[in-house]
Amino acid sequence: MDDRAAPEAPAPLPCAAVVPDPGELARLCFTKYDGSPHWRYELTVVGIDGYGVWLGGGPGSACARPGRTLVPGVAWVSLVPHVGGYVSTFNAPGGPLSAGIYIDLASVPQWSRDAGVLQVDAVDLDLDVVRRFTGVCSIEDVEEFEEHRLAYGYPEALVSSTRALADRLYQDVVAGVEPYGRVGAQWLQHWQRALTAQK
């Protein structure tokens, strides 16, 4: 593979009626189950492959939620999958973040374009699958999931499916099943080269 090219992957699949264009700006917006705002990101469409749509954030990009703003100080890419209720983020080392891979369990992300603005919305479902830069993997925020399951009245089917998906993603991350092996790292490198070329 040409190191300057986008990573190779299975043939792209249609992700929705809205098809993002590489280079297009995109908002990634999470809410909680009760509709209250959660994390929000302003990102760039890096590319699309068989796994989903890859969005990139730069070192100066801000991650904001009510009461908190975080500037990671490093590049990262987030994968919005074609199929599945989660968003996977791959962080470059060197910033304040301790995780190289961070997967937010969520509702199935929904794409829209309103007045020319591309947006993807998802409901955060608390559980996170994390691989630290040390290599340690874990499922996190289990207590928060239990609290919100009761407070928000998560349906039992949602509880079961979210737990099962977290377990599967954890196993995939531990085993390095793609895109948690080479693919995510390749997209991150591709995005870092693009950011360097923009300077």
N, C-alpha and C. Protein backbone atom coordinates (compact mmCIF):
# COMPACT_ATOMS: atom_id res chain seq x y z
N MET A 1 0.84 -1.20 0.00
CA MET A 1 0.00 0.00 0.00
C MET A 1 0.87 1.24 0.00
N ASP A 2 0.54 2.22 -0.78
CA ASP A 2 1.20 3.51 -0.79
C ASP A 2 0.97 4.18 0.56
N ASP A 3 2.06 4.52 1.27
CA ASP A 3 1.94 5.11 2.60
C ASP A 3 1.20 6.44 2.58
N ARG A 4 1.15 7.09 1.42
CA ARG A 4 0.46 8.38 1.35
C ARG A 4 -1.02 8.24 1.06
N ALA A 5 -1.44 7.04 0.72
CA ALA A 5 -2.84 6.81 0.35
C ALA A 5 -3.66 6.49 1.59
N ALA A 6 -4.98 6.58 1.42
CA ALA A 6 -5.87 6.17 2.50
C ALA A 6 -5.74 4.66 2.71
N PRO A 7 -5.98 4.17 3.93
CA PRO A 7 -5.85 2.74 4.20
C PRO A 7 -6.76 1.90 3.33
N GLU A 8 -6.29 0.68 3.06
CA GLU A 8 -7.11 -0.26 2.32
C GLU A 8 -8.13 -0.90 3.26
N ALA A 9 -9.28 -1.23 2.73
CA ALA A 9 -10.33 -1.86 3.53
C ALA A 9 -11.32 -2.50 2.59
N PRO A 10 -12.29 -3.27 3.12
CA PRO A 10 -13.33 -3.84 2.24
C PRO A 10 -14.06 -2.75 1.47
N ALA A 11 -14.73 -3.14 0.40
CA ALA A 11 -15.45 -2.18 -0.43
C ALA A 11 -16.45 -1.40 0.40
N PRO A 12 -16.55 -0.09 0.16
CA PRO A 12 -17.47 0.74 0.95
C PRO A 12 -18.91 0.26 0.85
N LEU A 13 -19.62 0.45 1.93
CA LEU A 13 -21.04 0.13 2.00
C LEU A 13 -21.82 1.43 2.15
N PRO A 14 -23.05 1.50 1.66
CA PRO A 14 -23.83 2.72 1.88
C PRO A 14 -24.16 2.87 3.35
N CYS A 15 -23.84 4.03 3.96
CA CYS A 15 -24.08 4.21 5.39
C CYS A 15 -25.45 4.81 5.65
N ALA A 16 -26.01 5.51 4.66
CA ALA A 16 -27.32 6.14 4.85
C ALA A 16 -27.68 6.85 3.57
N ALA A 17 -28.84 7.47 3.57
CA ALA A 17 -29.22 8.29 2.43
C ALA A 17 -28.29 9.49 2.32
N VAL A 18 -27.75 9.95 3.45
CA VAL A 18 -26.78 11.04 3.45
C VAL A 18 -25.39 10.44 3.32
N VAL A 19 -24.67 10.81 2.28
CA VAL A 19 -23.33 10.29 2.05
C VAL A 19 -22.32 11.41 2.29
N PRO A 20 -21.52 11.31 3.36
CA PRO A 20 -20.52 12.35 3.64
C PRO A 20 -19.45 12.40 2.57
N ASP A 21 -18.91 13.57 2.34
CA ASP A 21 -17.83 13.77 1.37
C ASP A 21 -16.52 14.01 2.11
N PRO A 22 -15.43 13.32 1.72
CA PRO A 22 -14.14 13.58 2.35
C PRO A 22 -13.77 15.07 2.28
N GLY A 23 -13.29 15.59 3.40
CA GLY A 23 -12.96 17.00 3.51
C GLY A 23 -14.09 17.85 4.05
N GLU A 24 -15.31 17.29 4.08
CA GLU A 24 -16.47 18.02 4.57
C GLU A 24 -16.43 18.11 6.09
N LEU A 25 -16.86 19.24 6.62
CA LEU A 25 -16.96 19.40 8.06
C LEU A 25 -18.19 18.65 8.56
N ALA A 26 -18.08 18.11 9.77
CA ALA A 26 -19.18 17.32 10.33
C ALA A 26 -19.26 17.53 11.83
N ARG A 27 -20.47 17.62 12.33
CA ARG A 27 -20.69 17.68 13.78
C ARG A 27 -21.05 16.29 14.27
N LEU A 28 -20.38 15.86 15.33
CA LEU A 28 -20.73 14.61 16.00
C LEU A 28 -21.34 14.99 17.34
N CYS A 29 -22.62 14.68 17.52
CA CYS A 29 -23.36 15.15 18.70
C CYS A 29 -23.96 13.97 19.46
N PHE A 30 -23.61 13.87 20.74
CA PHE A 30 -24.19 12.87 21.62
C PHE A 30 -25.18 13.54 22.56
N THR A 31 -26.26 12.85 22.86
CA THR A 31 -27.14 13.23 23.96
C THR A 31 -27.20 12.05 24.92
N LYS A 32 -27.76 12.29 26.09
CA LYS A 32 -28.06 11.19 26.99
C LYS A 32 -29.46 10.67 26.65
N TYR A 33 -29.87 9.60 27.30
CA TYR A 33 -31.13 8.93 26.96
C TYR A 33 -32.34 9.84 27.19
N ASP A 34 -32.22 10.79 28.14
CA ASP A 34 -33.34 11.70 28.42
C ASP A 34 -33.35 12.90 27.49
N GLY A 35 -32.43 12.94 26.52
CA GLY A 35 -32.38 14.03 25.56
C GLY A 35 -31.45 15.17 25.95
N SER A 36 -30.88 15.13 27.14
CA SER A 36 -29.99 16.20 27.56
C SER A 36 -28.69 16.14 26.77
N PRO A 37 -28.08 17.30 26.47
CA PRO A 37 -26.86 17.31 25.66
C PRO A 37 -25.69 16.66 26.36
N HIS A 38 -24.84 16.03 25.57
CA HIS A 38 -23.64 15.38 26.09
C HIS A 38 -22.47 15.88 25.24
N TRP A 39 -21.51 15.04 24.90
CA TRP A 39 -20.34 15.49 24.15
C TRP A 39 -20.71 15.93 22.73
N ARG A 40 -19.99 16.95 22.26
CA ARG A 40 -20.17 17.48 20.91
C ARG A 40 -18.80 17.79 20.32
N TYR A 41 -18.61 17.42 19.06
CA TYR A 41 -17.33 17.59 18.40
C TYR A 41 -17.53 18.21 17.02
N GLU A 42 -16.59 19.04 16.62
CA GLU A 42 -16.55 19.58 15.26
C GLU A 42 -15.40 18.88 14.55
N LEU A 43 -15.70 18.06 13.54
CA LEU A 43 -14.70 17.21 12.93
C LEU A 43 -14.68 17.37 11.41
N THR A 44 -13.78 16.63 10.78
CA THR A 44 -13.65 16.63 9.32
C THR A 44 -13.80 15.21 8.81
N VAL A 45 -14.54 15.03 7.74
CA VAL A 45 -14.66 13.71 7.13
C VAL A 45 -13.32 13.36 6.49
N VAL A 46 -12.69 12.30 7.00
CA VAL A 46 -11.39 11.87 6.48
C VAL A 46 -11.56 10.90 5.32
N GLY A 47 -12.53 10.00 5.44
CA GLY A 47 -12.76 9.03 4.37
C GLY A 47 -13.83 8.03 4.77
N ILE A 48 -14.16 7.16 3.84
CA ILE A 48 -15.17 6.13 4.04
C ILE A 48 -14.60 4.81 3.55
N ASP A 49 -14.80 3.76 4.34
CA ASP A 49 -14.39 2.43 3.91
C ASP A 49 -15.46 1.42 4.32
N GLY A 50 -15.13 0.16 4.26
CA GLY A 50 -16.10 -0.86 4.58
C GLY A 50 -16.52 -0.90 6.03
N TYR A 51 -15.76 -0.26 6.89
CA TYR A 51 -16.10 -0.23 8.31
C TYR A 51 -17.05 0.91 8.66
N GLY A 52 -16.97 2.01 7.93
CA GLY A 52 -17.82 3.14 8.22
C GLY A 52 -17.22 4.44 7.73
N VAL A 53 -17.62 5.52 8.37
CA VAL A 53 -17.14 6.86 8.03
C VAL A 53 -16.13 7.28 9.08
N TRP A 54 -14.96 7.74 8.62
CA TRP A 54 -13.89 8.16 9.50
C TRP A 54 -13.87 9.68 9.59
N LEU A 55 -13.95 10.19 10.81
CA LEU A 55 -13.95 11.62 11.07
C LEU A 55 -12.68 11.97 11.84
N GLY A 56 -12.08 13.12 11.52
CA GLY A 56 -10.83 13.49 12.16
C GLY A 56 -10.91 14.77 12.96
N GLY A 57 -10.21 14.78 14.08
CA GLY A 57 -10.06 15.98 14.90
C GLY A 57 -8.59 16.35 15.00
N GLY A 58 -8.30 17.64 15.03
CA GLY A 58 -6.92 18.10 15.11
C GLY A 58 -6.51 18.44 16.53
N PRO A 59 -5.21 18.70 16.73
CA PRO A 59 -4.71 19.00 18.08
C PRO A 59 -5.42 20.16 18.76
N GLY A 60 -5.90 21.13 17.97
CA GLY A 60 -6.57 22.28 18.57
C GLY A 60 -8.07 22.15 18.67
N SER A 61 -8.60 21.01 18.22
CA SER A 61 -10.05 20.81 18.24
C SER A 61 -10.54 20.67 19.68
N ALA A 62 -11.71 21.23 19.94
CA ALA A 62 -12.28 21.16 21.29
C ALA A 62 -13.38 20.12 21.35
N CYS A 63 -13.41 19.37 22.43
CA CYS A 63 -14.49 18.44 22.74
C CYS A 63 -15.27 19.07 23.88
N ALA A 64 -16.55 19.32 23.67
CA ALA A 64 -17.32 20.08 24.66
C ALA A 64 -18.57 19.34 25.08
N ARG A 65 -18.89 19.46 26.36
CA ARG A 65 -20.16 19.03 26.90
C ARG A 65 -20.54 20.03 27.98
N PRO A 66 -21.79 20.06 28.41
CA PRO A 66 -22.17 21.04 29.44
C PRO A 66 -21.26 20.96 30.67
N GLY A 67 -20.61 22.07 30.97
CA GLY A 67 -19.76 22.14 32.15
C GLY A 67 -18.33 21.73 31.94
N ARG A 68 -17.97 21.28 30.73
CA ARG A 68 -16.59 20.85 30.51
C ARG A 68 -16.20 21.00 29.05
N THR A 69 -14.99 21.50 28.82
CA THR A 69 -14.40 21.55 27.48
C THR A 69 -13.01 20.96 27.56
N LEU A 70 -12.70 20.07 26.64
CA LEU A 70 -11.42 19.38 26.61
C LEU A 70 -10.75 19.61 25.27
N VAL A 71 -9.48 20.01 25.29
CA VAL A 71 -8.69 20.12 24.07
C VAL A 71 -7.61 19.05 24.15
N PRO A 72 -7.77 17.95 23.40
CA PRO A 72 -6.85 16.82 23.55
C PRO A 72 -5.39 17.14 23.20
N GLY A 73 -5.17 18.11 22.31
CA GLY A 73 -3.81 18.47 21.96
C GLY A 73 -3.13 17.52 21.00
N VAL A 74 -3.84 16.51 20.53
CA VAL A 74 -3.31 15.54 19.57
C VAL A 74 -4.37 15.27 18.51
N ALA A 75 -3.95 14.63 17.43
CA ALA A 75 -4.90 14.24 16.39
C ALA A 75 -5.63 12.97 16.81
N TRP A 76 -6.84 12.81 16.30
CA TRP A 76 -7.58 11.58 16.52
C TRP A 76 -8.53 11.36 15.36
N VAL A 77 -8.96 10.11 15.20
CA VAL A 77 -10.00 9.79 14.22
C VAL A 77 -11.10 9.00 14.93
N SER A 78 -12.34 9.29 14.56
CA SER A 78 -13.50 8.57 15.10
C SER A 78 -14.19 7.83 13.97
N LEU A 79 -14.49 6.58 14.21
CA LEU A 79 -15.19 5.74 13.24
C LEU A 79 -16.66 5.67 13.60
N VAL A 80 -17.50 6.15 12.68
CA VAL A 80 -18.94 5.98 12.80
C VAL A 80 -19.29 4.79 11.92
N PRO A 81 -19.63 3.65 12.51
CA PRO A 81 -19.76 2.42 11.72
C PRO A 81 -21.00 2.44 10.82
N HIS A 82 -20.91 1.69 9.73
CA HIS A 82 -22.08 1.52 8.87
C HIS A 82 -23.19 0.79 9.62
N VAL A 83 -22.81 -0.15 10.47
CA VAL A 83 -23.78 -0.96 11.22
C VAL A 83 -23.32 -1.03 12.67
N GLY A 84 -24.22 -0.74 13.60
CA GLY A 84 -23.89 -0.92 15.00
C GLY A 84 -24.08 0.33 15.83
N GLY A 85 -24.36 0.12 17.11
CA GLY A 85 -24.62 1.22 18.03
C GLY A 85 -23.40 1.59 18.84
N TYR A 86 -22.46 2.30 18.23
CA TYR A 86 -21.25 2.73 18.92
C TYR A 86 -20.48 3.70 18.02
N VAL A 87 -19.52 4.39 18.61
CA VAL A 87 -18.57 5.21 17.87
C VAL A 87 -17.19 4.91 18.45
N SER A 88 -16.23 4.56 17.59
CA SER A 88 -14.88 4.19 18.04
C SER A 88 -13.91 5.33 17.74
N THR A 89 -13.10 5.70 18.73
CA THR A 89 -12.13 6.77 18.55
C THR A 89 -10.72 6.25 18.77
N PHE A 90 -9.81 6.67 17.89
CA PHE A 90 -8.41 6.27 17.94
C PHE A 90 -7.58 7.53 18.15
N ASN A 91 -6.93 7.63 19.30
CA ASN A 91 -6.18 8.82 19.68
C ASN A 91 -4.68 8.64 19.47
N ALA A 92 -4.02 9.70 19.00
CA ALA A 92 -2.57 9.69 18.96
C ALA A 92 -2.02 9.87 20.37
N PRO A 93 -0.86 9.33 20.66
CA PRO A 93 -0.27 9.53 21.99
C PRO A 93 0.29 10.95 22.12
N GLY A 94 0.61 11.32 23.35
CA GLY A 94 1.29 12.59 23.57
C GLY A 94 0.45 13.67 24.20
N GLY A 95 -0.85 13.46 24.31
CA GLY A 95 -1.71 14.45 24.93
C GLY A 95 -2.14 14.01 26.32
N PRO A 96 -3.17 14.66 26.86
CA PRO A 96 -3.63 14.30 28.20
C PRO A 96 -4.48 13.04 28.25
N LEU A 97 -4.85 12.51 27.08
CA LEU A 97 -5.70 11.32 27.05
C LEU A 97 -4.87 10.07 27.34
N SER A 98 -5.44 9.16 28.11
CA SER A 98 -4.70 7.94 28.49
C SER A 98 -5.04 6.75 27.62
N ALA A 99 -6.00 6.90 26.72
CA ALA A 99 -6.48 5.76 25.92
C ALA A 99 -6.16 5.94 24.45
N GLY A 100 -5.63 4.89 23.85
CA GLY A 100 -5.41 4.89 22.41
C GLY A 100 -6.67 4.56 21.65
N ILE A 101 -7.54 3.72 22.25
CA ILE A 101 -8.82 3.38 21.65
C ILE A 101 -9.91 3.61 22.69
N TYR A 102 -10.96 4.29 22.28
CA TYR A 102 -12.07 4.59 23.19
C TYR A 102 -13.36 4.40 22.40
N ILE A 103 -14.18 3.44 22.80
CA ILE A 103 -15.42 3.14 22.09
C ILE A 103 -16.60 3.53 22.96
N ASP A 104 -17.42 4.44 22.46
CA ASP A 104 -18.63 4.86 23.15
C ASP A 104 -19.80 4.00 22.67
N LEU A 105 -20.39 3.24 23.58
CA LEU A 105 -21.62 2.52 23.23
C LEU A 105 -22.75 3.53 23.13
N ALA A 106 -23.57 3.39 22.11
CA ALA A 106 -24.58 4.41 21.81
C ALA A 106 -25.71 3.79 21.00
N SER A 107 -26.73 4.60 20.75
CA SER A 107 -27.73 4.21 19.76
C SER A 107 -27.07 4.20 18.38
N VAL A 108 -27.72 3.61 17.42
CA VAL A 108 -27.18 3.61 16.06
C VAL A 108 -27.07 5.06 15.58
N PRO A 109 -25.88 5.52 15.20
CA PRO A 109 -25.72 6.92 14.77
C PRO A 109 -26.59 7.25 13.56
N GLN A 110 -27.15 8.45 13.58
CA GLN A 110 -28.05 8.91 12.52
C GLN A 110 -27.44 10.12 11.81
N TRP A 111 -27.30 10.01 10.50
CA TRP A 111 -26.74 11.10 9.69
C TRP A 111 -27.85 12.01 9.18
N SER A 112 -27.52 13.30 9.11
CA SER A 112 -28.44 14.26 8.50
C SER A 112 -27.62 15.41 7.91
N ARG A 113 -28.24 16.13 7.01
CA ARG A 113 -27.63 17.34 6.47
C ARG A 113 -28.72 18.39 6.39
N ASP A 114 -28.54 19.46 7.17
CA ASP A 114 -29.54 20.52 7.26
C ASP A 114 -28.88 21.83 6.88
N ALA A 115 -29.41 22.48 5.84
CA ALA A 115 -28.85 23.75 5.35
C ALA A 115 -27.37 23.60 5.05
N GLY A 116 -27.01 22.45 4.50
CA GLY A 116 -25.63 22.22 4.10
C GLY A 116 -24.71 21.77 5.22
N VAL A 117 -25.22 21.64 6.43
CA VAL A 117 -24.39 21.25 7.57
C VAL A 117 -24.57 19.75 7.84
N LEU A 118 -23.47 19.00 7.79
CA LEU A 118 -23.50 17.57 8.02
C LEU A 118 -23.44 17.30 9.53
N GLN A 119 -24.31 16.41 10.00
CA GLN A 119 -24.35 16.11 11.42
C GLN A 119 -24.66 14.63 11.63
N VAL A 120 -24.05 14.07 12.66
CA VAL A 120 -24.36 12.70 13.06
C VAL A 120 -24.70 12.73 14.54
N ASP A 121 -25.86 12.15 14.86
CA ASP A 121 -26.39 12.17 16.22
C ASP A 121 -26.48 10.76 16.77
N ALA A 122 -26.19 10.63 18.07
CA ALA A 122 -26.31 9.34 18.74
C ALA A 122 -26.62 9.58 20.22
N VAL A 123 -27.29 8.61 20.81
CA VAL A 123 -27.60 8.65 22.23
C VAL A 123 -26.54 7.85 22.98
N ASP A 124 -25.79 8.51 23.83
CA ASP A 124 -24.74 7.85 24.60
C ASP A 124 -25.38 6.88 25.61
N LEU A 125 -24.87 5.66 25.63
CA LEU A 125 -25.41 4.63 26.52
C LEU A 125 -24.40 4.22 27.59
N ASP A 126 -23.56 5.16 27.97
CA ASP A 126 -22.72 5.07 29.17
C ASP A 126 -21.52 4.14 29.05
N LEU A 127 -21.74 2.89 28.68
CA LEU A 127 -20.64 1.93 28.66
C LEU A 127 -19.59 2.32 27.62
N ASP A 128 -18.33 2.14 27.98
CA ASP A 128 -17.21 2.44 27.10
C ASP A 128 -16.24 1.26 27.10
N VAL A 129 -15.72 0.94 25.94
CA VAL A 129 -14.66 -0.05 25.82
C VAL A 129 -13.37 0.72 25.55
N VAL A 130 -12.37 0.48 26.38
CA VAL A 130 -11.17 1.31 26.37
C VAL A 130 -9.92 0.44 26.28
N ARG A 131 -8.98 0.87 25.45
CA ARG A 131 -7.63 0.30 25.49
C ARG A 131 -6.65 1.42 25.78
N ARG A 132 -6.03 1.36 26.95
CA ARG A 132 -5.06 2.36 27.36
C ARG A 132 -3.80 2.25 26.52
N PHE A 133 -3.02 3.31 26.51
CA PHE A 133 -1.75 3.26 25.80
C PHE A 133 -0.83 2.21 26.41
N THR A 134 -1.08 1.83 27.65
CA THR A 134 -0.31 0.77 28.30
C THR A 134 -0.66 -0.61 27.77
N GLY A 135 -1.76 -0.71 27.02
CA GLY A 135 -2.23 -1.99 26.51
C GLY A 135 -3.35 -2.60 27.32
N VAL A 136 -3.64 -2.04 28.49
CA VAL A 136 -4.70 -2.56 29.34
C VAL A 136 -6.06 -2.23 28.72
N CYS A 137 -6.94 -3.25 28.64
CA CYS A 137 -8.29 -3.08 28.09
C CYS A 137 -9.33 -3.25 29.19
N SER A 138 -10.43 -2.52 29.07
CA SER A 138 -11.48 -2.60 30.08
C SER A 138 -12.80 -2.12 29.52
N ILE A 139 -13.87 -2.52 30.20
CA ILE A 139 -15.20 -1.95 29.97
C ILE A 139 -15.46 -0.99 31.12
N GLU A 140 -15.71 0.25 30.81
CA GLU A 140 -15.80 1.28 31.85
C GLU A 140 -17.20 1.87 31.96
N ASP A 141 -17.41 2.59 33.06
CA ASP A 141 -18.68 3.27 33.37
C ASP A 141 -19.84 2.30 33.55
N VAL A 142 -19.52 1.13 34.10
CA VAL A 142 -20.55 0.13 34.36
C VAL A 142 -21.53 0.64 35.42
N GLU A 143 -21.01 1.31 36.46
CA GLU A 143 -21.88 1.85 37.51
C GLU A 143 -22.80 2.94 36.96
N GLU A 144 -22.26 3.79 36.08
CA GLU A 144 -23.09 4.83 35.47
C GLU A 144 -24.20 4.20 34.63
N PHE A 145 -23.86 3.14 33.91
CA PHE A 145 -24.86 2.43 33.11
C PHE A 145 -25.99 1.91 34.00
N GLU A 146 -25.63 1.34 35.14
CA GLU A 146 -26.65 0.81 36.05
C GLU A 146 -27.51 1.94 36.62
N GLU A 147 -26.87 3.05 36.98
CA GLU A 147 -27.62 4.19 37.51
C GLU A 147 -28.61 4.73 36.48
N HIS A 148 -28.15 4.89 35.24
CA HIS A 148 -29.01 5.46 34.20
C HIS A 148 -30.06 4.45 33.73
N ARG A 149 -29.73 3.17 33.81
CA ARG A 149 -30.72 2.14 33.46
C ARG A 149 -31.97 2.30 34.32
N LEU A 150 -31.75 2.61 35.58
CA LEU A 150 -32.87 2.79 36.50
C LEU A 150 -33.48 4.18 36.38
N ALA A 151 -32.62 5.20 36.33
CA ALA A 151 -33.11 6.58 36.31
C ALA A 151 -33.87 6.91 35.03
N TYR A 152 -33.38 6.41 33.89
CA TYR A 152 -33.98 6.73 32.60
C TYR A 152 -34.94 5.65 32.11
N GLY A 153 -34.96 4.52 32.78
CA GLY A 153 -35.85 3.45 32.37
C GLY A 153 -35.46 2.79 31.06
N TYR A 154 -34.17 2.44 30.92
CA TYR A 154 -33.75 1.74 29.72
C TYR A 154 -34.59 0.47 29.53
N PRO A 155 -35.11 0.24 28.35
CA PRO A 155 -35.82 -1.03 28.10
C PRO A 155 -34.88 -2.22 28.30
N GLU A 156 -35.41 -3.34 28.75
CA GLU A 156 -34.58 -4.51 29.03
C GLU A 156 -33.86 -4.99 27.77
N ALA A 157 -34.54 -4.89 26.62
CA ALA A 157 -33.89 -5.31 25.37
C ALA A 157 -32.67 -4.45 25.07
N LEU A 158 -32.77 -3.15 25.37
CA LEU A 158 -31.63 -2.24 25.16
C LEU A 158 -30.51 -2.57 26.13
N VAL A 159 -30.86 -2.86 27.37
CA VAL A 159 -29.85 -3.21 28.38
C VAL A 159 -29.08 -4.45 27.93
N SER A 160 -29.80 -5.47 27.51
CA SER A 160 -29.17 -6.73 27.11
C SER A 160 -28.29 -6.55 25.88
N SER A 161 -28.81 -5.85 24.88
CA SER A 161 -28.05 -5.69 23.63
C SER A 161 -26.82 -4.82 23.84
N THR A 162 -26.93 -3.80 24.70
CA THR A 162 -25.78 -2.92 24.95
C THR A 162 -24.69 -3.67 25.70
N ARG A 163 -25.07 -4.43 26.70
CA ARG A 163 -24.08 -5.23 27.43
C ARG A 163 -23.40 -6.24 26.51
N ALA A 164 -24.20 -6.90 25.66
CA ALA A 164 -23.64 -7.90 24.75
C ALA A 164 -22.69 -7.26 23.75
N LEU A 165 -23.05 -6.09 23.24
CA LEU A 165 -22.18 -5.41 22.28
C LEU A 165 -20.89 -4.95 22.96
N ALA A 166 -20.99 -4.46 24.18
CA ALA A 166 -19.78 -4.05 24.91
C ALA A 166 -18.84 -5.25 25.08
N ASP A 167 -19.40 -6.40 25.43
CA ASP A 167 -18.58 -7.61 25.59
C ASP A 167 -17.91 -8.00 24.27
N ARG A 168 -18.66 -7.93 23.17
CA ARG A 168 -18.09 -8.30 21.87
C ARG A 168 -16.99 -7.35 21.45
N LEU A 169 -17.24 -6.04 21.61
CA LEU A 169 -16.23 -5.05 21.24
C LEU A 169 -14.98 -5.18 22.10
N TYR A 170 -15.18 -5.48 23.38
CA TYR A 170 -14.03 -5.70 24.26
C TYR A 170 -13.17 -6.85 23.73
N GLN A 171 -13.81 -7.95 23.37
CA GLN A 171 -13.07 -9.09 22.83
C GLN A 171 -12.36 -8.72 21.53
N ASP A 172 -13.03 -7.94 20.68
CA ASP A 172 -12.42 -7.51 19.42
C ASP A 172 -11.18 -6.66 19.67
N VAL A 173 -11.28 -5.73 20.62
CA VAL A 173 -10.14 -4.86 20.92
C VAL A 173 -8.99 -5.67 21.49
N VAL A 174 -9.29 -6.56 22.43
CA VAL A 174 -8.23 -7.40 23.02
C VAL A 174 -7.53 -8.23 21.96
N ALA A 175 -8.30 -8.78 21.04
CA ALA A 175 -7.74 -9.66 20.01
C ALA A 175 -7.18 -8.90 18.81
N GLY A 176 -7.42 -7.60 18.75
CA GLY A 176 -6.94 -6.81 17.61
C GLY A 176 -7.72 -7.08 16.34
N VAL A 177 -8.99 -7.49 16.49
CA VAL A 177 -9.83 -7.69 15.31
C VAL A 177 -10.05 -6.33 14.64
N GLU A 178 -9.93 -6.29 13.32
CA GLU A 178 -10.07 -5.01 12.62
C GLU A 178 -11.46 -4.43 12.81
N PRO A 179 -11.53 -3.12 12.94
CA PRO A 179 -10.48 -2.13 12.68
C PRO A 179 -9.59 -1.81 13.88
N TYR A 180 -9.56 -2.69 14.90
CA TYR A 180 -8.79 -2.40 16.11
C TYR A 180 -7.39 -2.99 16.08
N GLY A 181 -6.98 -3.46 14.89
CA GLY A 181 -5.62 -3.92 14.70
C GLY A 181 -4.81 -2.84 14.00
N ARG A 182 -4.71 -2.97 12.67
CA ARG A 182 -3.92 -2.02 11.89
C ARG A 182 -4.77 -0.91 11.27
N VAL A 183 -6.03 -1.19 10.97
CA VAL A 183 -6.83 -0.25 10.17
C VAL A 183 -7.02 1.09 10.87
N GLY A 184 -7.41 1.07 12.14
CA GLY A 184 -7.60 2.34 12.84
C GLY A 184 -6.32 3.15 12.90
N ALA A 185 -5.20 2.48 13.16
CA ALA A 185 -3.91 3.17 13.21
C ALA A 185 -3.55 3.76 11.84
N GLN A 186 -3.88 3.05 10.77
CA GLN A 186 -3.59 3.55 9.43
C GLN A 186 -4.40 4.80 9.11
N TRP A 187 -5.69 4.79 9.48
CA TRP A 187 -6.50 5.99 9.24
C TRP A 187 -6.00 7.16 10.07
N LEU A 188 -5.56 6.90 11.30
CA LEU A 188 -5.02 7.98 12.12
C LEU A 188 -3.75 8.54 11.48
N GLN A 189 -2.87 7.69 10.99
CA GLN A 189 -1.65 8.15 10.33
C GLN A 189 -1.98 8.94 9.07
N HIS A 190 -2.96 8.46 8.32
CA HIS A 190 -3.39 9.16 7.11
C HIS A 190 -3.89 10.57 7.46
N TRP A 191 -4.68 10.69 8.52
CA TRP A 191 -5.20 11.98 8.94
C TRP A 191 -4.08 12.89 9.45
N GLN A 192 -3.11 12.33 10.17
CA GLN A 192 -1.99 13.14 10.65
C GLN A 192 -1.18 13.70 9.49
N ARG A 193 -0.99 12.90 8.45
CA ARG A 193 -0.28 13.40 7.27
C ARG A 193 -1.07 14.52 6.59
N ALA A 194 -2.39 14.36 6.55
CA ALA A 194 -3.23 15.41 5.95
C ALA A 194 -3.14 16.71 6.74
N LEU A 195 -3.12 16.61 8.06
CA LEU A 195 -3.00 17.81 8.90
C LEU A 195 -1.64 18.47 8.68
N THR A 196 -0.59 17.67 8.56
CA THR A 196 0.74 18.22 8.32
C THR A 196 0.79 18.94 6.98
N ALA A 197 0.14 18.37 5.98
CA ALA A 197 0.14 18.98 4.64
C ALA A 197 -0.62 20.29 4.62
N GLN A 198 -1.54 20.49 5.57
CA GLN A 198 -2.33 21.73 5.60
C GLN A 198 -1.55 22.89 6.20
N LYS A 199 -0.45 22.60 6.89
CA LYS A 199 0.31 23.67 7.57
C LYS A 199 1.11 24.49 6.57
